[in-house]
Amino acid sequence: MPSSSPRQNLTQDFGLGKISINYSRPLIKGRTVFSENSILAPFGKLWRFGADAATQINFTDDVEIEGQKVQAGTYLVFAIPQETKWKIILNTDIAAGLRGYDPAKNILEVEVPVQNTNTFSETFTIQLHSFGYETCILEVIWANVSVSIKIGTHIVARLKESFDEQMQGEKKPYFQAAIFNLMLAGDLAKALEYIDIALAEVPGAYYMHFVKANIEKLSGNSEAAKKTAEQCFEAAVAAGSNDYQRLAKDFISRN
């Protein structure tokens, strides 16, 4: 028979790793929830963060949850709901479940505020959103309640170390290093240095011209950026890239 609380597996790339969540999605079906002595998830009581088997979360890389470090691994997720805040708990004993819960095996306990919503959600939902390179939000939505949990990671320093090491090798990833310095490290001077070397090696690389134009624009050199975008357009025409012809024309029209 199909479960009354369907199981869902959610997997999301994040930073240099992945976040996977395995949980059941109960429906309210007219029952009370999130109140004193409610049938579902009563205030002040340990809750399995879903239904049936306790919710599991896996991180393939180290993260921070609400600023607290969590090592890569698989954990059970529990919560203790209250009217204005929830306590979120990660526990290492993934075989125990709710009945075998041992607080001595908690590796994380954080409190997060409750937000009341105008939209009623019948089905318990966990979603990941608001992604940055090193941040995202895990949001829980059920009934008229929403709870958001901040997840972070630290990849910029690790990537910088990796690129610094590769730059000592025989084959240097100039283009990739330019993208890193543009998008993550914020070092526009180094990004421009690397993209110029990359273009010297492959002059017809229209996509590299487009990256260079963006670097120049962010550096405050609009005149140079427009000229580089024109070179991007010419290279894209020669290569038959309609997408980059459109991107270059749009860039030129806005500068």
Protein backbone atom coordinates (compact mmCIF):
# COMPACT_ATOMS: atom_id res chain seq x y z
CA MET A 1 0.00 0.00 0.00
CA PRO A 2 1.23 3.53 -0.69
CA SER A 3 2.35 5.38 2.41
CA SER A 4 0.07 8.08 3.80
CA SER A 5 3.25 10.12 4.29
CA PRO A 6 5.16 9.71 1.01
CA ARG A 7 8.93 9.49 1.29
CA GLN A 8 11.05 12.00 -0.62
CA ASN A 9 14.76 12.05 -1.44
CA LEU A 10 16.13 15.53 -2.06
CA THR A 11 19.70 15.98 -3.34
CA GLN A 12 21.30 19.31 -4.07
CA ASP A 13 24.79 20.37 -5.13
CA PHE A 14 26.22 22.83 -2.61
CA GLY A 15 29.70 24.34 -2.52
CA LEU A 16 32.13 21.54 -3.35
CA GLY A 17 29.78 18.82 -2.14
CA LYS A 18 26.14 17.76 -1.94
CA ILE A 19 23.31 17.91 0.57
CA SER A 20 20.88 14.97 0.58
CA ILE A 21 17.70 14.81 2.66
CA ASN A 22 15.52 11.72 3.07
CA TYR A 23 12.22 12.41 4.79
CA SER A 24 8.52 11.59 4.93
CA ARG A 25 5.88 14.18 4.03
CA PRO A 26 2.84 13.86 6.30
CA LEU A 27 -0.45 15.59 5.49
CA ILE A 28 -2.40 17.42 8.18
CA LYS A 29 -5.83 15.99 7.25
CA GLY A 30 -7.71 18.20 9.68
CA ARG A 31 -5.56 17.35 12.71
CA THR A 32 -4.06 19.88 15.08
CA VAL A 33 -0.40 20.82 14.58
CA PHE A 34 2.14 23.10 16.26
CA SER A 35 0.25 23.87 19.45
CA GLU A 36 0.05 22.73 23.06
CA ASN A 37 -0.83 19.01 23.07
CA SER A 38 -1.52 19.01 19.32
CA ILE A 39 -1.80 15.65 17.58
CA LEU A 40 1.05 16.53 15.23
CA ALA A 41 4.33 18.09 16.40
CA PRO A 42 3.17 19.44 19.79
CA PHE A 43 5.05 22.28 21.45
CA GLY A 44 7.94 21.23 23.68
CA LYS A 45 8.10 17.62 22.46
CA LEU A 46 10.82 15.94 20.43
CA TRP A 47 9.62 15.55 16.84
CA ARG A 48 11.09 13.44 14.06
CA PHE A 49 10.99 16.31 11.53
CA GLY A 50 8.44 14.58 9.36
CA ALA A 51 6.72 11.23 9.85
CA ASP A 52 7.46 7.48 10.00
CA ALA A 53 11.25 6.99 10.08
CA ALA A 54 13.20 9.99 11.34
CA THR A 55 14.48 12.42 8.72
CA GLN A 56 18.09 11.89 7.60
CA ILE A 57 20.43 14.51 6.18
CA ASN A 58 23.79 13.84 4.55
CA PHE A 59 26.60 16.30 3.83
CA THR A 60 29.43 15.12 1.59
CA ASP A 61 31.54 18.10 2.67
CA ASP A 62 31.93 19.95 5.96
CA VAL A 63 29.35 22.70 6.52
CA GLU A 64 28.18 25.16 9.12
CA ILE A 65 24.59 25.24 10.36
CA GLU A 66 23.58 28.52 11.94
CA GLY A 67 27.30 29.19 12.38
CA GLN A 68 28.14 25.89 14.07
CA LYS A 69 30.54 23.47 12.38
CA VAL A 70 29.17 20.13 11.18
CA GLN A 71 31.48 17.51 9.70
CA ALA A 72 30.64 15.61 6.52
CA GLY A 73 28.43 12.63 7.33
CA THR A 74 24.87 11.40 7.79
CA TYR A 75 22.69 12.54 10.69
CA LEU A 76 19.16 12.21 11.99
CA VAL A 77 17.25 15.48 12.19
CA PHE A 78 14.93 16.22 15.10
CA ALA A 79 13.14 19.35 16.21
CA ILE A 80 11.45 20.63 19.35
CA PRO A 81 8.83 23.12 18.14
CA GLN A 82 7.71 26.12 20.18
CA GLU A 83 5.42 28.98 19.25
CA THR A 84 8.16 31.48 18.38
CA LYS A 85 11.24 29.29 17.88
CA TRP A 86 12.31 25.72 17.18
CA LYS A 87 15.29 23.82 18.46
CA ILE A 88 16.93 21.95 15.57
CA ILE A 89 18.95 18.86 16.50
CA LEU A 90 21.38 16.68 14.55
CA ASN A 91 22.09 13.26 16.03
CA THR A 92 24.74 10.75 14.94
CA ASP A 93 22.85 7.53 15.79
CA ILE A 94 21.09 7.04 12.46
CA ALA A 95 19.93 3.52 13.39
CA ALA A 96 18.12 4.62 16.55
CA GLY A 97 15.20 6.66 15.28
CA LEU A 98 12.85 8.52 17.60
CA ARG A 99 12.30 5.74 20.14
CA GLY A 100 16.01 5.11 20.59
CA TYR A 101 16.93 8.78 20.66
CA ASP A 102 19.95 9.48 22.86
CA PRO A 103 20.67 13.19 23.46
CA ALA A 104 24.28 12.31 24.31
CA LYS A 105 24.74 11.65 20.58
CA ASN A 106 23.59 15.09 19.49
CA ILE A 107 26.28 16.96 17.59
CA LEU A 108 24.22 20.08 16.97
CA GLU A 109 21.49 21.98 18.81
CA VAL A 110 20.48 25.40 17.46
CA GLU A 111 17.42 27.58 17.85
CA VAL A 112 15.80 29.25 14.84
CA PRO A 113 12.84 31.66 14.74
CA VAL A 114 9.38 30.76 13.49
CA GLN A 115 7.73 32.74 10.71
CA ASN A 116 3.95 32.68 10.34
CA THR A 117 2.74 32.48 6.74
CA ASN A 118 -0.48 33.60 5.06
CA THR A 119 -0.57 30.48 2.91
CA PHE A 120 -1.66 27.14 4.39
CA SER A 121 0.53 24.16 3.46
CA GLU A 122 -1.23 20.82 3.86
CA THR A 123 1.86 18.72 3.17
CA PHE A 124 5.07 18.89 5.21
CA THR A 125 7.78 20.25 2.93
CA ILE A 126 11.55 20.69 3.17
CA GLN A 127 13.28 22.73 0.49
CA LEU A 128 16.72 24.19 -0.20
CA HIS A 129 16.96 27.62 -1.79
CA SER A 130 18.64 31.06 -1.80
CA PHE A 131 21.95 29.68 -3.00
CA GLY A 132 25.19 31.60 -2.94
CA TYR A 133 28.63 30.15 -3.54
CA GLU A 134 28.99 29.45 0.18
CA THR A 135 25.47 29.77 1.59
CA CYS A 136 21.97 28.37 1.26
CA ILE A 137 18.74 28.10 3.24
CA LEU A 138 16.99 24.93 4.36
CA GLU A 139 13.35 25.86 4.80
CA VAL A 140 10.59 23.85 6.48
CA ILE A 141 7.00 24.68 5.56
CA TRP A 142 3.88 23.17 7.14
CA ALA A 143 0.47 24.49 8.09
CA ASN A 144 0.93 28.26 8.48
CA VAL A 145 4.50 27.99 9.72
CA SER A 146 7.87 28.44 8.05
CA VAL A 147 11.29 27.88 9.62
CA SER A 148 14.54 28.76 7.85
CA ILE A 149 17.92 27.26 8.74
CA LYS A 150 21.14 28.83 7.44
CA ILE A 151 23.73 26.48 5.95
CA GLY A 152 27.22 27.64 5.03
CA THR A 153 30.47 26.28 3.69
CA HIS A 154 33.98 27.64 3.08
CA ILE A 155 35.25 26.99 -0.42
CA VAL A 156 36.98 30.19 -1.53
CA ALA A 157 40.16 29.64 0.51
CA ARG A 158 40.33 26.00 -0.59
CA LEU A 159 39.87 26.88 -4.26
CA LYS A 160 42.49 29.63 -4.01
CA GLU A 161 44.96 27.15 -2.57
CA SER A 162 44.14 24.72 -5.38
CA PHE A 163 44.61 27.35 -8.10
CA ASP A 164 47.84 28.61 -6.52
CA GLU A 165 49.16 25.06 -6.65
CA GLN A 166 48.05 24.52 -10.26
CA MET A 167 49.73 27.76 -11.29
CA GLN A 168 53.03 26.24 -10.25
CA GLY A 169 52.52 23.36 -12.68
CA GLU A 170 53.36 23.07 -16.35
CA LYS A 171 49.78 23.48 -17.63
CA LYS A 172 48.31 26.55 -16.00
CA PRO A 173 44.48 26.98 -15.96
CA TYR A 174 44.49 30.70 -16.77
CA PHE A 175 40.87 30.90 -17.90
CA GLN A 176 39.49 29.00 -14.90
CA ALA A 177 41.67 31.07 -12.57
CA ALA A 178 40.33 34.25 -14.16
CA ILE A 179 36.75 33.09 -13.54
CA PHE A 180 37.61 32.23 -9.93
CA ASN A 181 39.15 35.63 -9.27
CA LEU A 182 36.22 37.37 -10.94
CA MET A 183 33.38 35.44 -9.35
CA LEU A 184 34.70 34.29 -5.99
CA ALA A 185 37.95 35.92 -4.91
CA GLY A 186 36.99 39.40 -6.10
CA ASP A 187 40.51 40.13 -7.36
CA LEU A 188 39.76 41.95 -10.62
CA ALA A 189 43.38 42.82 -11.34
CA LYS A 190 44.42 39.20 -11.19
CA ALA A 191 41.34 38.14 -13.16
CA LEU A 192 42.31 40.58 -15.94
CA GLU A 193 45.92 39.39 -15.90
CA TYR A 194 44.86 35.75 -16.28
CA ILE A 195 42.20 36.36 -18.95
CA ASP A 196 44.71 38.29 -21.07
CA ILE A 197 47.12 35.35 -20.94
CA ALA A 198 44.31 32.92 -21.76
CA LEU A 199 43.25 35.03 -24.76
CA ALA A 200 46.84 35.24 -26.00
CA GLU A 201 46.78 31.44 -26.18
CA VAL A 202 43.32 31.26 -27.85
CA PRO A 203 42.59 34.63 -29.55
CA GLY A 204 39.34 33.44 -31.13
CA ALA A 205 37.73 32.37 -27.86
CA TYR A 206 34.65 34.61 -27.96
CA TYR A 207 33.53 33.48 -24.50
CA MET A 208 36.86 34.64 -23.04
CA HIS A 209 36.39 38.05 -24.66
CA PHE A 210 33.00 38.26 -22.99
CA VAL A 211 34.49 37.45 -19.59
CA LYS A 212 37.20 40.07 -20.15
CA ALA A 213 34.59 42.69 -21.03
CA ASN A 214 32.79 42.02 -17.75
CA ILE A 215 36.05 42.26 -15.79
CA GLU A 216 36.85 45.60 -17.43
CA LYS A 217 33.36 46.92 -16.76
CA LEU A 218 33.54 45.96 -13.08
CA SER A 219 36.98 47.57 -12.92
CA GLY A 220 35.43 50.86 -14.06
CA ASN A 221 36.90 50.86 -17.57
CA SER A 222 33.71 51.08 -19.65
CA GLU A 223 35.49 52.18 -22.83
CA ALA A 224 37.80 49.15 -22.83
CA ALA A 225 34.86 46.88 -21.91
CA LYS A 226 32.88 48.07 -24.94
CA LYS A 227 35.83 47.47 -27.29
CA THR A 228 36.33 43.97 -25.87
CA ALA A 229 32.61 43.23 -26.29
CA GLU A 230 32.93 44.26 -29.96
CA GLN A 231 35.81 41.78 -30.29
CA CYS A 232 33.58 39.17 -28.63
CA PHE A 233 30.89 39.83 -31.24
CA GLU A 234 33.34 39.52 -34.14
CA ALA A 235 34.78 36.27 -32.74
CA ALA A 236 31.27 34.90 -32.14
CA VAL A 237 30.28 35.68 -35.75
CA ALA A 238 33.39 33.87 -37.00
CA ALA A 239 32.62 30.87 -34.79
CA GLY A 240 28.89 30.85 -35.56
CA SER A 241 27.83 31.36 -31.94
CA ASN A 242 24.43 33.05 -32.01
CA ASP A 243 24.19 33.10 -28.23
CA TYR A 244 27.38 35.09 -27.76
CA GLN A 245 26.52 37.40 -30.64
CA ARG A 246 23.33 38.25 -28.75
CA LEU A 247 25.15 38.60 -25.41
CA ALA A 248 27.80 40.87 -26.94
CA LYS A 249 25.23 43.09 -28.70
CA ASP A 250 23.26 43.41 -25.46
CA PHE A 251 26.44 44.27 -23.55
CA ILE A 252 27.42 46.94 -26.09
CA SER A 253 23.94 48.49 -26.07
CA ARG A 254 24.07 48.88 -22.29
CA ASN A 255 27.56 50.45 -22.18
